[in-house]
Amino acid sequence: MSKYGDGIEEPYAFGGFVTLSVREFSETDSWLKSDLRPDEARLLGLRLIKMADEAEAQG
């Protein structure tokens, strides 16, 4: 398990994009890969922080 959780690989930068790979839950050998532009990656990061705060407040 990575520091991001089970099935989430370390994001990396290559060719001007940020790549995030996540294991598809229905298929243990299938990976979903998303290539994000830098601004998209920043916005996603901010949105994930907001959603984590909301989830924490619910629990």
PDB file of N, CA and C in Angstrom:
ATOM      1  N   MET A   1       0.846  -1.173   0.000  1.00  0.00           N
ATOM      2  CA  MET A   1       0.000   0.000   0.000  1.00  0.00           C
ATOM      3  C   MET A   1       0.892   1.237   0.000  1.00  0.00           C
ATOM      4  N   SER A   2       0.555   2.206  -0.848  1.00  0.00           N
ATOM      5  CA  SER A   2       1.329   3.438  -0.902  1.00  0.00           C
ATOM      6  C   SER A   2       0.871   4.370   0.206  1.00  0.00           C
ATOM      7  N   LYS A   3       1.569   5.464   0.369  1.00  0.00           N
ATOM      8  CA  LYS A   3       1.182   6.435   1.391  1.00  0.00           C
ATOM      9  C   LYS A   3      -0.132   7.125   1.048  1.00  0.00           C
ATOM     10  N   TYR A   4      -0.625   6.936  -0.177  1.00  0.00           N
ATOM     11  CA  TYR A   4      -1.892   7.529  -0.602  1.00  0.00           C
ATOM     12  C   TYR A   4      -3.064   6.585  -0.407  1.00  0.00           C
ATOM     13  N   GLY A   5      -2.801   5.344  -0.055  1.00  0.00           N
ATOM     14  CA  GLY A   5      -3.855   4.363   0.147  1.00  0.00           C
ATOM     15  C   GLY A   5      -3.691   3.186  -0.786  1.00  0.00           C
ATOM     16  N   ASP A   6      -4.462   2.168  -0.515  1.00  0.00           N
ATOM     17  CA  ASP A   6      -4.405   0.948  -1.318  1.00  0.00           C
ATOM     18  C   ASP A   6      -4.921   1.220  -2.726  1.00  0.00           C
ATOM     19  N   GLY A   7      -4.130   0.895  -3.727  1.00  0.00           N
ATOM     20  CA  GLY A   7      -4.556   1.039  -5.109  1.00  0.00           C
ATOM     21  C   GLY A   7      -4.323   2.409  -5.714  1.00  0.00           C
ATOM     22  N   ILE A   8      -3.589   3.261  -5.024  1.00  0.00           N
ATOM     23  CA  ILE A   8      -3.273   4.582  -5.570  1.00  0.00           C
ATOM     24  C   ILE A   8      -1.758   4.715  -5.642  1.00  0.00           C
ATOM     25  N   GLU A   9      -1.260   4.907  -6.841  1.00  0.00           N
ATOM     26  CA  GLU A   9       0.185   5.009  -7.036  1.00  0.00           C
ATOM     27  C   GLU A   9       0.669   6.447  -6.811  1.00  0.00           C
ATOM     28  N   GLU A  10       1.948   6.573  -6.608  1.00  0.00           N
ATOM     29  CA  GLU A  10       2.584   7.889  -6.455  1.00  0.00           C
ATOM     30  C   GLU A  10       2.393   8.687  -7.748  1.00  0.00           C
ATOM     31  N   PRO A  11       1.797   9.880  -7.677  1.00  0.00           N
ATOM     32  CA  PRO A  11       1.689  10.708  -8.886  1.00  0.00           C
ATOM     33  C   PRO A  11       3.086  11.117  -9.364  1.00  0.00           C
ATOM     34  N   TYR A  12       3.217  11.357 -10.659  1.00  0.00           N
ATOM     35  CA  TYR A  12       4.514  11.799 -11.175  1.00  0.00           C
ATOM     36  C   TYR A  12       4.315  12.796 -12.309  1.00  0.00           C
ATOM     37  N   ALA A  13       5.326  13.605 -12.536  1.00  0.00           N
ATOM     38  CA  ALA A  13       5.295  14.600 -13.610  1.00  0.00           C
ATOM     39  C   ALA A  13       6.164  14.105 -14.755  1.00  0.00           C
ATOM     40  N   PHE A  14       5.624  14.210 -15.982  1.00  0.00           N
ATOM     41  CA  PHE A  14       6.374  13.802 -17.164  1.00  0.00           C
ATOM     42  C   PHE A  14       5.774  14.496 -18.377  1.00  0.00           C
ATOM     43  N   GLY A  15       6.592  15.101 -19.173  1.00  0.00           N
ATOM     44  CA  GLY A  15       6.159  15.715 -20.423  1.00  0.00           C
ATOM     45  C   GLY A  15       5.178  16.867 -20.244  1.00  0.00           C
ATOM     46  N   GLY A  16       5.257  17.555 -19.128  1.00  0.00           N
ATOM     47  CA  GLY A  16       4.377  18.686 -18.891  1.00  0.00           C
ATOM     48  C   GLY A  16       3.029  18.317 -18.295  1.00  0.00           C
ATOM     49  N   PHE A  17       2.847  17.052 -17.912  1.00  0.00           N
ATOM     50  CA  PHE A  17       1.601  16.600 -17.308  1.00  0.00           C
ATOM     51  C   PHE A  17       1.870  15.942 -15.964  1.00  0.00           C
ATOM     52  N   VAL A  18       0.874  15.925 -15.113  1.00  0.00           N
ATOM     53  CA  VAL A  18       0.909  15.172 -13.865  1.00  0.00           C
ATOM     54  C   VAL A  18       0.093  13.905 -14.115  1.00  0.00           C
ATOM     55  N   THR A  19       0.682  12.764 -13.860  1.00  0.00           N
ATOM     56  CA  THR A  19       0.014  11.490 -14.097  1.00  0.00           C
ATOM     57  C   THR A  19      -0.356  10.852 -12.767  1.00  0.00           C
ATOM     58  N   LEU A  20      -1.615  10.438 -12.665  1.00  0.00           N
ATOM     59  CA  LEU A  20      -2.130   9.776 -11.474  1.00  0.00           C
ATOM     60  C   LEU A  20      -2.708   8.436 -11.907  1.00  0.00           C
ATOM     61  N   SER A  21      -2.255   7.370 -11.269  1.00  0.00           N
ATOM     62  CA  SER A  21      -2.741   6.022 -11.585  1.00  0.00           C
ATOM     63  C   SER A  21      -3.475   5.458 -10.374  1.00  0.00           C
ATOM     64  N   VAL A  22      -4.684   4.944 -10.626  1.00  0.00           N
ATOM     65  CA  VAL A  22      -5.525   4.372  -9.575  1.00  0.00           C
ATOM     66  C   VAL A  22      -6.010   3.004 -10.038  1.00  0.00           C
ATOM     67  N   ARG A  23      -5.926   2.021  -9.151  1.00  0.00           N
ATOM     68  CA  ARG A  23      -6.403   0.681  -9.504  1.00  0.00           C
ATOM     69  C   ARG A  23      -7.922   0.698  -9.559  1.00  0.00           C
ATOM     70  N   GLU A  24      -8.463   0.160 -10.634  1.00  0.00           N
ATOM     71  CA  GLU A  24      -9.911   0.057 -10.789  1.00  0.00           C
ATOM     72  C   GLU A  24     -10.425  -0.964  -9.778  1.00  0.00           C
ATOM     73  N   PHE A  25     -11.465  -0.616  -9.044  1.00  0.00           N
ATOM     74  CA  PHE A  25     -11.927  -1.462  -7.949  1.00  0.00           C
ATOM     75  C   PHE A  25     -12.499  -2.787  -8.414  1.00  0.00           C
ATOM     76  N   SER A  26     -13.121  -2.827  -9.566  1.00  0.00           N
ATOM     77  CA  SER A  26     -13.723  -4.074 -10.037  1.00  0.00           C
ATOM     78  C   SER A  26     -12.694  -5.034 -10.627  1.00  0.00           C
ATOM     79  N   GLU A  27     -11.552  -4.516 -11.031  1.00  0.00           N
ATOM     80  CA  GLU A  27     -10.505  -5.346 -11.638  1.00  0.00           C
ATOM     81  C   GLU A  27      -9.180  -5.053 -10.927  1.00  0.00           C
ATOM     82  N   THR A  28      -8.668  -6.018 -10.202  1.00  0.00           N
ATOM     83  CA  THR A  28      -7.450  -5.766  -9.427  1.00  0.00           C
ATOM     84  C   THR A  28      -6.219  -5.554 -10.298  1.00  0.00           C
ATOM     85  N   ASP A  29      -6.246  -6.037 -11.549  1.00  0.00           N
ATOM     86  CA  ASP A  29      -5.093  -5.860 -12.438  1.00  0.00           C
ATOM     87  C   ASP A  29      -5.297  -4.722 -13.438  1.00  0.00           C
ATOM     88  N   SER A  30      -6.367  -3.967 -13.288  1.00  0.00           N
ATOM     89  CA  SER A  30      -6.685  -2.891 -14.224  1.00  0.00           C
ATOM     90  C   SER A  30      -6.435  -1.537 -13.555  1.00  0.00           C
ATOM     91  N   TRP A  31      -5.668  -0.696 -14.253  1.00  0.00           N
ATOM     92  CA  TRP A  31      -5.330   0.620 -13.710  1.00  0.00           C
ATOM     93  C   TRP A  31      -5.934   1.712 -14.565  1.00  0.00           C
ATOM     94  N   LEU A  32      -6.490   2.721 -13.909  1.00  0.00           N
ATOM     95  CA  LEU A  32      -6.987   3.913 -14.589  1.00  0.00           C
ATOM     96  C   LEU A  32      -5.898   4.969 -14.484  1.00  0.00           C
ATOM     97  N   LYS A  33      -5.568   5.606 -15.581  1.00  0.00           N
ATOM     98  CA  LYS A  33      -4.489   6.588 -15.601  1.00  0.00           C
ATOM     99  C   LYS A  33      -5.047   7.915 -16.087  1.00  0.00           C
ATOM    100  N   SER A  34      -4.746   8.969 -15.363  1.00  0.00           N
ATOM    101  CA  SER A  34      -5.208  10.293 -15.749  1.00  0.00           C
ATOM    102  C   SER A  34      -4.000  11.212 -15.903  1.00  0.00           C
ATOM    103  N   ASP A  35      -3.909  11.858 -17.048  1.00  0.00           N
ATOM    104  CA  ASP A  35      -2.867  12.851 -17.284  1.00  0.00           C
ATOM    105  C   ASP A  35      -3.503  14.235 -17.155  1.00  0.00           C
ATOM    106  N   LEU A  36      -3.030  14.998 -16.198  1.00  0.00           N
ATOM    107  CA  LEU A  36      -3.592  16.309 -15.898  1.00  0.00           C
ATOM    108  C   LEU A  36      -2.591  17.406 -16.214  1.00  0.00           C
ATOM    109  N   ARG A  37      -3.092  18.506 -16.759  1.00  0.00           N
ATOM    110  CA  ARG A  37      -2.230  19.673 -16.904  1.00  0.00           C
ATOM    111  C   ARG A  37      -1.949  20.219 -15.510  1.00  0.00           C
ATOM    112  N   PRO A  38      -0.864  20.964 -15.323  1.00  0.00           N
ATOM    113  CA  PRO A  38      -0.521  21.463 -13.987  1.00  0.00           C
ATOM    114  C   PRO A  38      -1.664  22.207 -13.291  1.00  0.00           C
ATOM    115  N   ASP A  39      -2.370  23.080 -13.989  1.00  0.00           N
ATOM    116  CA  ASP A  39      -3.472  23.809 -13.352  1.00  0.00           C
ATOM    117  C   ASP A  39      -4.612  22.878 -12.958  1.00  0.00           C
ATOM    118  N   GLU A  40      -4.882  21.859 -13.770  1.00  0.00           N
ATOM    119  CA  GLU A  40      -5.916  20.883 -13.422  1.00  0.00           C
ATOM    120  C   GLU A  40      -5.526  20.101 -12.172  1.00  0.00           C
ATOM    121  N   ALA A  41      -4.257  19.731 -12.076  1.00  0.00           N
ATOM    122  CA  ALA A  41      -3.771  18.995 -10.906  1.00  0.00           C
ATOM    123  C   ALA A  41      -3.899  19.851  -9.651  1.00  0.00           C
ATOM    124  N   ARG A  42      -3.577  21.131  -9.757  1.00  0.00           N
ATOM    125  CA  ARG A  42      -3.707  22.027  -8.603  1.00  0.00           C
ATOM    126  C   ARG A  42      -5.163  22.146  -8.162  1.00  0.00           C
ATOM    127  N   LEU A  43      -6.066  22.335  -9.123  1.00  0.00           N
ATOM    128  CA  LEU A  43      -7.485  22.453  -8.786  1.00  0.00           C
ATOM    129  C   LEU A  43      -8.024  21.161  -8.170  1.00  0.00           C
ATOM    130  N   LEU A  44      -7.602  20.019  -8.708  1.00  0.00           N
ATOM    131  CA  LEU A  44      -8.023  18.744  -8.148  1.00  0.00           C
ATOM    132  C   LEU A  44      -7.530  18.602  -6.712  1.00  0.00           C
ATOM    133  N   GLY A  45      -6.290  18.970  -6.471  1.00  0.00           N
ATOM    134  CA  GLY A  45      -5.736  18.893  -5.121  1.00  0.00           C
ATOM    135  C   GLY A  45      -6.533  19.737  -4.135  1.00  0.00           C
ATOM    136  N   LEU A  46      -6.870  20.957  -4.532  1.00  0.00           N
ATOM    137  CA  LEU A  46      -7.663  21.827  -3.662  1.00  0.00           C
ATOM    138  C   LEU A  46      -9.053  21.257  -3.411  1.00  0.00           C
ATOM    139  N   ARG A  47      -9.662  20.701  -4.454  1.00  0.00           N
ATOM    140  CA  ARG A  47     -10.998  20.110  -4.317  1.00  0.00           C
ATOM    141  C   ARG A  47     -10.956  18.888  -3.407  1.00  0.00           C
ATOM    142  N   LEU A  48      -9.919  18.083  -3.526  1.00  0.00           N
ATOM    143  CA  LEU A  48      -9.799  16.911  -2.660  1.00  0.00           C
ATOM    144  C   LEU A  48      -9.642  17.313  -1.198  1.00  0.00           C
ATOM    145  N   ILE A  49      -8.897  18.370  -0.932  1.00  0.00           N
ATOM    146  CA  ILE A  49      -8.749  18.864   0.438  1.00  0.00           C
ATOM    147  C   ILE A  49     -10.113  19.304   0.980  1.00  0.00           C
ATOM    148  N   LYS A  50     -10.869  20.036   0.183  1.00  0.00           N
ATOM    149  CA  LYS A  50     -12.198  20.487   0.606  1.00  0.00           C
ATOM    150  C   LYS A  50     -13.112  19.300   0.891  1.00  0.00           C
ATOM    151  N   MET A  51     -13.101  18.315  -0.008  1.00  0.00           N
ATOM    152  CA  MET A  51     -13.957  17.152   0.177  1.00  0.00           C
ATOM    153  C   MET A  51     -13.526  16.333   1.397  1.00  0.00           C
ATOM    154  N   ALA A  52     -12.240  16.248   1.660  1.00  0.00           N
ATOM    155  CA  ALA A  52     -11.750  15.532   2.846  1.00  0.00           C
ATOM    156  C   ALA A  52     -12.221  16.230   4.118  1.00  0.00           C
ATOM    157  N   ASP A  53     -12.197  17.538   4.130  1.00  0.00           N
ATOM    158  CA  ASP A  53     -12.681  18.301   5.296  1.00  0.00           C
ATOM    159  C   ASP A  53     -14.175  18.055   5.504  1.00  0.00           C
ATOM    160  N   GLU A  54     -14.956  18.022   4.417  1.00  0.00           N
ATOM    161  CA  GLU A  54     -16.386  17.772   4.515  1.00  0.00           C
ATOM    162  C   GLU A  54     -16.653  16.346   5.029  1.00  0.00           C
ATOM    163  N   ALA A  55     -15.921  15.383   4.518  1.00  0.00           N
ATOM    164  CA  ALA A  55     -16.094  13.996   4.946  1.00  0.00           C
ATOM    165  C   ALA A  55     -15.734  13.833   6.428  1.00  0.00           C
ATOM    166  N   GLU A  56     -14.668  14.492   6.834  1.00  0.00           N
ATOM    167  CA  GLU A  56     -14.244  14.417   8.230  1.00  0.00           C
ATOM    168  C   GLU A  56     -15.300  15.011   9.164  1.00  0.00           C
ATOM    169  N   ALA A  57     -15.922  16.108   8.736  1.00  0.00           N
ATOM    170  CA  ALA A  57     -16.953  16.748   9.540  1.00  0.00           C
ATOM    171  C   ALA A  57     -18.197  15.862   9.669  1.00  0.00           C
ATOM    172  N   GLN A  58     -18.442  15.011   8.690  1.00  0.00           N
ATOM    173  CA  GLN A  58     -19.597  14.113   8.727  1.00  0.00           C
ATOM    174  C   GLN A  58     -19.397  12.931   9.664  1.00  0.00           C
ATOM    175  N   GLY A  59     -18.124  12.551   9.856  1.00  0.00           N
ATOM    176  CA  GLY A  59     -17.819  11.356  10.644  1.00  0.00           C
ATOM    177  C   GLY A  59     -17.661  11.671  12.042  1.00  0.00           C
TER     178      GLY A  59
END
